[in-house]
Amino acid sequence: MRVEYIRKRVLEDWRGLPEKPERPERCIPAAEALKKLLPKLGLTERLNEQEVQTAWNEIVGDFLAAHSLPVSMRDGILIIQVLQPTVRYELERSWKPEILRKLKTRFGPKTVKEVRFR
């Protein structure tokens, strides 16, 4: 407390004006500031993309994860790179609704809106 008082007095003398009291409501935790900053910088999709890549094996299983990989996500559209045409066909025809349901359950309905295989 004493150090704050001395700091205030020195600043008042140096500026020639009385020091305005600090407003504690302007101070927010770093985690809260990042939550507000990430959407402005467009980085929330990047974080969601990383989370999806990490969870891909768990969502589709070992075999399909060995033959496919999420490569990007833009505007809620998840792009999956598939190594073999037969696996792509199987994913597109049989697994797509199930994969989309699991992704929406895990990450929320607004994170992944559509899945495309390439």
N, C-alpha and C. Protein backbone atom coordinates (compact mmCIF):
# COMPACT_ATOMS: atom_id res chain seq x y z
N MET A 1 0.82 -1.18 0.00
CA MET A 1 0.00 0.00 0.00
C MET A 1 0.87 1.26 0.00
N ARG A 2 1.93 1.23 0.77
CA ARG A 2 2.84 2.38 0.87
C ARG A 2 3.50 2.65 -0.48
N VAL A 3 3.87 1.58 -1.19
CA VAL A 3 4.52 1.74 -2.50
C VAL A 3 3.56 2.38 -3.49
N GLU A 4 2.31 2.00 -3.46
CA GLU A 4 1.31 2.59 -4.34
C GLU A 4 1.15 4.09 -4.07
N TYR A 5 1.17 4.46 -2.81
CA TYR A 5 1.03 5.86 -2.45
C TYR A 5 2.22 6.66 -2.98
N ILE A 6 3.42 6.12 -2.80
CA ILE A 6 4.62 6.81 -3.28
C ILE A 6 4.58 6.93 -4.80
N ARG A 7 4.21 5.85 -5.48
CA ARG A 7 4.11 5.87 -6.94
C ARG A 7 3.14 6.96 -7.40
N LYS A 8 2.00 7.05 -6.72
CA LYS A 8 0.99 8.03 -7.07
C LYS A 8 1.53 9.45 -6.89
N ARG A 9 2.21 9.68 -5.78
CA ARG A 9 2.76 11.02 -5.50
C ARG A 9 3.83 11.41 -6.53
N VAL A 10 4.71 10.47 -6.88
CA VAL A 10 5.76 10.76 -7.85
C VAL A 10 5.15 11.10 -9.21
N LEU A 11 4.16 10.32 -9.64
CA LEU A 11 3.52 10.60 -10.92
C LEU A 11 2.79 11.94 -10.91
N GLU A 12 2.14 12.27 -9.82
CA GLU A 12 1.47 13.57 -9.72
C GLU A 12 2.47 14.71 -9.82
N ASP A 13 3.61 14.59 -9.13
CA ASP A 13 4.64 15.63 -9.18
C ASP A 13 5.23 15.74 -10.58
N TRP A 14 5.48 14.61 -11.21
CA TRP A 14 6.12 14.62 -12.53
C TRP A 14 5.19 15.21 -13.59
N ARG A 15 3.92 14.86 -13.54
CA ARG A 15 2.96 15.34 -14.53
C ARG A 15 2.44 16.74 -14.21
N GLY A 16 2.48 17.11 -12.95
CA GLY A 16 1.93 18.39 -12.56
C GLY A 16 0.41 18.34 -12.42
N LEU A 17 -0.15 17.17 -12.45
CA LEU A 17 -1.59 16.98 -12.32
C LEU A 17 -1.87 15.89 -11.29
N PRO A 18 -3.02 15.94 -10.66
CA PRO A 18 -3.35 14.85 -9.73
C PRO A 18 -3.57 13.54 -10.50
N GLU A 19 -3.11 12.47 -9.95
CA GLU A 19 -3.22 11.14 -10.57
C GLU A 19 -4.65 10.63 -10.42
N LYS A 20 -5.24 10.21 -11.52
CA LYS A 20 -6.59 9.65 -11.47
C LYS A 20 -6.51 8.24 -10.86
N PRO A 21 -7.49 7.89 -10.06
CA PRO A 21 -7.46 6.53 -9.49
C PRO A 21 -7.67 5.48 -10.59
N GLU A 22 -6.98 4.35 -10.44
CA GLU A 22 -7.14 3.27 -11.41
C GLU A 22 -8.51 2.66 -11.26
N ARG A 23 -9.06 2.25 -12.40
CA ARG A 23 -10.37 1.62 -12.37
C ARG A 23 -10.18 0.11 -12.45
N PRO A 24 -10.44 -0.59 -11.36
CA PRO A 24 -10.22 -2.03 -11.36
C PRO A 24 -11.13 -2.80 -12.30
N GLU A 25 -12.27 -2.23 -12.69
CA GLU A 25 -13.18 -2.95 -13.58
C GLU A 25 -12.60 -3.11 -14.99
N ARG A 26 -11.58 -2.36 -15.30
CA ARG A 26 -10.94 -2.47 -16.60
C ARG A 26 -9.98 -3.65 -16.67
N CYS A 27 -9.59 -4.14 -15.52
CA CYS A 27 -8.68 -5.28 -15.48
C CYS A 27 -9.49 -6.57 -15.55
N ILE A 28 -9.14 -7.42 -16.52
CA ILE A 28 -9.83 -8.70 -16.65
C ILE A 28 -8.79 -9.80 -16.74
N PRO A 29 -9.15 -11.01 -16.38
CA PRO A 29 -8.20 -12.12 -16.48
C PRO A 29 -7.79 -12.37 -17.93
N ALA A 30 -6.58 -12.89 -18.11
CA ALA A 30 -6.05 -13.13 -19.45
C ALA A 30 -6.92 -14.11 -20.23
N ALA A 31 -7.44 -15.14 -19.58
CA ALA A 31 -8.29 -16.13 -20.26
C ALA A 31 -9.54 -15.47 -20.84
N GLU A 32 -10.11 -14.55 -20.09
CA GLU A 32 -11.29 -13.84 -20.57
C GLU A 32 -10.95 -12.93 -21.74
N ALA A 33 -9.80 -12.27 -21.66
CA ALA A 33 -9.36 -11.39 -22.75
C ALA A 33 -9.12 -12.20 -24.02
N LEU A 34 -8.54 -13.39 -23.89
CA LEU A 34 -8.30 -14.23 -25.06
C LEU A 34 -9.60 -14.70 -25.70
N LYS A 35 -10.60 -15.01 -24.88
CA LYS A 35 -11.90 -15.43 -25.42
C LYS A 35 -12.51 -14.34 -26.28
N LYS A 36 -12.28 -13.09 -25.90
CA LYS A 36 -12.81 -11.97 -26.68
C LYS A 36 -11.93 -11.67 -27.90
N LEU A 37 -10.64 -11.91 -27.77
CA LEU A 37 -9.70 -11.55 -28.83
C LEU A 37 -9.66 -12.58 -29.97
N LEU A 38 -9.74 -13.87 -29.64
CA LEU A 38 -9.62 -14.91 -30.66
C LEU A 38 -10.63 -14.79 -31.79
N PRO A 39 -11.91 -14.54 -31.53
CA PRO A 39 -12.84 -14.38 -32.65
C PRO A 39 -12.51 -13.19 -33.54
N LYS A 40 -12.02 -12.11 -32.94
CA LYS A 40 -11.67 -10.93 -33.73
C LYS A 40 -10.50 -11.21 -34.67
N LEU A 41 -9.60 -12.08 -34.24
CA LEU A 41 -8.45 -12.43 -35.06
C LEU A 41 -8.72 -13.60 -36.00
N GLY A 42 -9.90 -14.22 -35.86
CA GLY A 42 -10.25 -15.35 -36.71
C GLY A 42 -9.54 -16.63 -36.33
N LEU A 43 -9.15 -16.76 -35.08
CA LEU A 43 -8.39 -17.93 -34.65
C LEU A 43 -9.23 -19.01 -33.99
N THR A 44 -10.49 -18.77 -33.74
CA THR A 44 -11.31 -19.80 -33.08
C THR A 44 -11.49 -21.01 -33.97
N GLU A 45 -11.66 -20.79 -35.28
CA GLU A 45 -11.78 -21.93 -36.19
C GLU A 45 -10.50 -22.75 -36.21
N ARG A 46 -9.37 -22.09 -36.09
CA ARG A 46 -8.10 -22.79 -36.08
C ARG A 46 -8.00 -23.70 -34.86
N LEU A 47 -8.46 -23.22 -33.72
CA LEU A 47 -8.45 -24.04 -32.51
C LEU A 47 -9.42 -25.21 -32.66
N ASN A 48 -10.61 -24.95 -33.20
CA ASN A 48 -11.57 -26.03 -33.41
C ASN A 48 -11.02 -27.06 -34.38
N GLU A 49 -10.33 -26.61 -35.42
CA GLU A 49 -9.73 -27.52 -36.38
C GLU A 49 -8.71 -28.44 -35.71
N GLN A 50 -7.91 -27.88 -34.84
CA GLN A 50 -6.92 -28.67 -34.11
C GLN A 50 -7.59 -29.69 -33.20
N GLU A 51 -8.66 -29.30 -32.54
CA GLU A 51 -9.40 -30.22 -31.67
C GLU A 51 -9.99 -31.37 -32.48
N VAL A 52 -10.53 -31.06 -33.66
CA VAL A 52 -11.12 -32.11 -34.51
C VAL A 52 -10.04 -33.08 -34.97
N GLN A 53 -8.89 -32.56 -35.37
CA GLN A 53 -7.80 -33.43 -35.79
C GLN A 53 -7.36 -34.35 -34.66
N THR A 54 -7.32 -33.84 -33.47
CA THR A 54 -6.92 -34.64 -32.31
C THR A 54 -7.94 -35.74 -32.03
N ALA A 55 -9.22 -35.45 -32.20
CA ALA A 55 -10.28 -36.40 -31.87
C ALA A 55 -10.69 -37.30 -33.03
N TRP A 56 -10.10 -37.12 -34.20
CA TRP A 56 -10.53 -37.85 -35.40
C TRP A 56 -10.48 -39.37 -35.21
N ASN A 57 -9.41 -39.88 -34.66
CA ASN A 57 -9.26 -41.32 -34.46
C ASN A 57 -10.39 -41.87 -33.58
N GLU A 58 -10.72 -41.14 -32.55
CA GLU A 58 -11.78 -41.57 -31.64
C GLU A 58 -13.16 -41.52 -32.31
N ILE A 59 -13.36 -40.57 -33.19
CA ILE A 59 -14.67 -40.39 -33.83
C ILE A 59 -14.93 -41.45 -34.89
N VAL A 60 -13.92 -41.75 -35.73
CA VAL A 60 -14.16 -42.67 -36.85
C VAL A 60 -13.61 -44.08 -36.64
N GLY A 61 -12.78 -44.26 -35.65
CA GLY A 61 -12.20 -45.58 -35.43
C GLY A 61 -10.83 -45.71 -36.07
N ASP A 62 -10.11 -46.75 -35.70
CA ASP A 62 -8.73 -46.93 -36.14
C ASP A 62 -8.58 -47.11 -37.64
N PHE A 63 -9.39 -47.97 -38.25
CA PHE A 63 -9.24 -48.25 -39.67
C PHE A 63 -9.46 -47.01 -40.53
N LEU A 64 -10.59 -46.33 -40.31
CA LEU A 64 -10.89 -45.15 -41.12
C LEU A 64 -9.93 -44.01 -40.82
N ALA A 65 -9.49 -43.89 -39.58
CA ALA A 65 -8.52 -42.85 -39.24
C ALA A 65 -7.18 -43.10 -39.91
N ALA A 66 -6.82 -44.37 -40.12
CA ALA A 66 -5.57 -44.70 -40.79
C ALA A 66 -5.62 -44.34 -42.28
N HIS A 67 -6.81 -44.22 -42.85
CA HIS A 67 -6.96 -43.94 -44.27
C HIS A 67 -7.53 -42.55 -44.57
N SER A 68 -7.72 -41.75 -43.55
CA SER A 68 -8.26 -40.40 -43.76
C SER A 68 -7.71 -39.45 -42.70
N LEU A 69 -7.78 -38.16 -43.02
CA LEU A 69 -7.22 -37.16 -42.12
C LEU A 69 -7.93 -35.83 -42.33
N PRO A 70 -8.41 -35.18 -41.27
CA PRO A 70 -8.98 -33.84 -41.43
C PRO A 70 -7.86 -32.85 -41.76
N VAL A 71 -8.03 -32.09 -42.82
CA VAL A 71 -6.97 -31.18 -43.25
C VAL A 71 -7.31 -29.71 -43.04
N SER A 72 -8.59 -29.35 -43.09
CA SER A 72 -8.94 -27.95 -42.87
C SER A 72 -10.41 -27.82 -42.51
N MET A 73 -10.73 -26.64 -41.98
CA MET A 73 -12.11 -26.33 -41.65
C MET A 73 -12.34 -24.85 -41.89
N ARG A 74 -13.32 -24.55 -42.73
CA ARG A 74 -13.67 -23.16 -43.04
C ARG A 74 -15.19 -23.01 -42.97
N ASP A 75 -15.63 -22.02 -42.25
CA ASP A 75 -17.05 -21.71 -42.16
C ASP A 75 -17.90 -22.93 -41.79
N GLY A 76 -17.39 -23.77 -40.92
CA GLY A 76 -18.13 -24.94 -40.46
C GLY A 76 -18.07 -26.14 -41.38
N ILE A 77 -17.29 -26.04 -42.46
CA ILE A 77 -17.16 -27.16 -43.40
C ILE A 77 -15.81 -27.83 -43.14
N LEU A 78 -15.87 -29.09 -42.73
CA LEU A 78 -14.67 -29.86 -42.43
C LEU A 78 -14.25 -30.64 -43.67
N ILE A 79 -13.01 -30.43 -44.11
CA ILE A 79 -12.48 -31.12 -45.28
C ILE A 79 -11.63 -32.28 -44.80
N ILE A 80 -11.94 -33.48 -45.31
CA ILE A 80 -11.23 -34.70 -44.94
C ILE A 80 -10.48 -35.21 -46.16
N GLN A 81 -9.19 -35.41 -46.03
CA GLN A 81 -8.38 -35.99 -47.10
C GLN A 81 -8.43 -37.51 -46.94
N VAL A 82 -8.79 -38.19 -48.02
CA VAL A 82 -8.92 -39.65 -48.00
C VAL A 82 -7.89 -40.23 -48.95
N LEU A 83 -7.22 -41.30 -48.50
CA LEU A 83 -6.13 -41.88 -49.27
C LEU A 83 -6.58 -42.77 -50.43
N GLN A 84 -7.69 -43.47 -50.27
CA GLN A 84 -8.13 -44.40 -51.30
C GLN A 84 -9.55 -44.09 -51.73
N PRO A 85 -9.83 -44.23 -53.02
CA PRO A 85 -11.18 -43.96 -53.52
C PRO A 85 -12.25 -44.86 -52.89
N THR A 86 -11.91 -46.10 -52.61
CA THR A 86 -12.90 -46.99 -52.02
C THR A 86 -13.26 -46.56 -50.60
N VAL A 87 -12.27 -46.08 -49.87
CA VAL A 87 -12.54 -45.57 -48.52
C VAL A 87 -13.37 -44.29 -48.60
N ARG A 88 -13.07 -43.45 -49.57
CA ARG A 88 -13.86 -42.23 -49.76
C ARG A 88 -15.31 -42.57 -50.06
N TYR A 89 -15.51 -43.53 -50.93
CA TYR A 89 -16.87 -43.96 -51.26
C TYR A 89 -17.60 -44.46 -50.01
N GLU A 90 -16.92 -45.28 -49.22
CA GLU A 90 -17.51 -45.83 -48.00
C GLU A 90 -17.85 -44.70 -47.00
N LEU A 91 -16.94 -43.78 -46.84
CA LEU A 91 -17.19 -42.65 -45.94
C LEU A 91 -18.36 -41.79 -46.42
N GLU A 92 -18.37 -41.50 -47.71
CA GLU A 92 -19.41 -40.64 -48.28
C GLU A 92 -20.79 -41.27 -48.19
N ARG A 93 -20.89 -42.53 -48.53
CA ARG A 93 -22.19 -43.20 -48.61
C ARG A 93 -22.70 -43.73 -47.27
N SER A 94 -21.81 -44.30 -46.47
CA SER A 94 -22.28 -45.00 -45.27
C SER A 94 -22.02 -44.25 -43.97
N TRP A 95 -20.87 -43.61 -43.86
CA TRP A 95 -20.44 -43.07 -42.58
C TRP A 95 -20.68 -41.58 -42.38
N LYS A 96 -20.92 -40.85 -43.43
CA LYS A 96 -21.02 -39.39 -43.34
C LYS A 96 -22.04 -38.91 -42.30
N PRO A 97 -23.29 -39.41 -42.32
CA PRO A 97 -24.25 -38.93 -41.31
C PRO A 97 -23.81 -39.25 -39.87
N GLU A 98 -23.24 -40.42 -39.67
CA GLU A 98 -22.79 -40.81 -38.34
C GLU A 98 -21.61 -39.95 -37.87
N ILE A 99 -20.67 -39.69 -38.76
CA ILE A 99 -19.51 -38.85 -38.44
C ILE A 99 -19.98 -37.44 -38.10
N LEU A 100 -20.87 -36.90 -38.90
CA LEU A 100 -21.39 -35.55 -38.66
C LEU A 100 -22.13 -35.48 -37.32
N ARG A 101 -22.90 -36.50 -37.01
CA ARG A 101 -23.62 -36.53 -35.73
C ARG A 101 -22.63 -36.54 -34.56
N LYS A 102 -21.59 -37.37 -34.66
CA LYS A 102 -20.59 -37.44 -33.58
C LYS A 102 -19.84 -36.12 -33.43
N LEU A 103 -19.50 -35.49 -34.54
CA LEU A 103 -18.80 -34.20 -34.49
C LEU A 103 -19.68 -33.13 -33.84
N LYS A 104 -20.95 -33.09 -34.22
CA LYS A 104 -21.86 -32.10 -33.63
C LYS A 104 -22.08 -32.36 -32.15
N THR A 105 -22.15 -33.63 -31.77
CA THR A 105 -22.32 -33.96 -30.36
C THR A 105 -21.10 -33.52 -29.56
N ARG A 106 -19.93 -33.77 -30.10
CA ARG A 106 -18.70 -33.48 -29.37
C ARG A 106 -18.33 -32.01 -29.36
N PHE A 107 -18.49 -31.32 -30.50
CA PHE A 107 -18.00 -29.94 -30.63
C PHE A 107 -19.11 -28.89 -30.73
N GLY A 108 -20.35 -29.32 -30.73
CA GLY A 108 -21.46 -28.37 -30.82
C GLY A 108 -21.97 -28.26 -32.25
N PRO A 109 -23.23 -27.92 -32.41
CA PRO A 109 -23.83 -27.89 -33.75
C PRO A 109 -23.31 -26.79 -34.66
N LYS A 110 -22.71 -25.74 -34.10
CA LYS A 110 -22.24 -24.63 -34.93
C LYS A 110 -20.79 -24.77 -35.37
N THR A 111 -20.04 -25.66 -34.73
CA THR A 111 -18.63 -25.81 -35.07
C THR A 111 -18.47 -26.50 -36.41
N VAL A 112 -19.06 -27.68 -36.56
CA VAL A 112 -18.98 -28.44 -37.81
C VAL A 112 -20.38 -28.59 -38.37
N LYS A 113 -20.63 -27.97 -39.51
CA LYS A 113 -21.95 -28.02 -40.13
C LYS A 113 -22.01 -29.04 -41.27
N GLU A 114 -20.86 -29.29 -41.88
CA GLU A 114 -20.81 -30.18 -43.03
C GLU A 114 -19.45 -30.85 -43.11
N VAL A 115 -19.43 -32.06 -43.69
CA VAL A 115 -18.18 -32.79 -43.89
C VAL A 115 -18.04 -33.09 -45.38
N ARG A 116 -16.87 -32.80 -45.93
CA ARG A 116 -16.59 -33.09 -47.34
C ARG A 116 -15.32 -33.94 -47.43
N PHE A 117 -15.37 -34.93 -48.30
CA PHE A 117 -14.24 -35.85 -48.47
C PHE A 117 -13.56 -35.58 -49.79
N ARG A 118 -12.23 -35.57 -49.78
CA ARG A 118 -11.44 -35.31 -50.99
C ARG A 118 -10.33 -36.31 -51.11
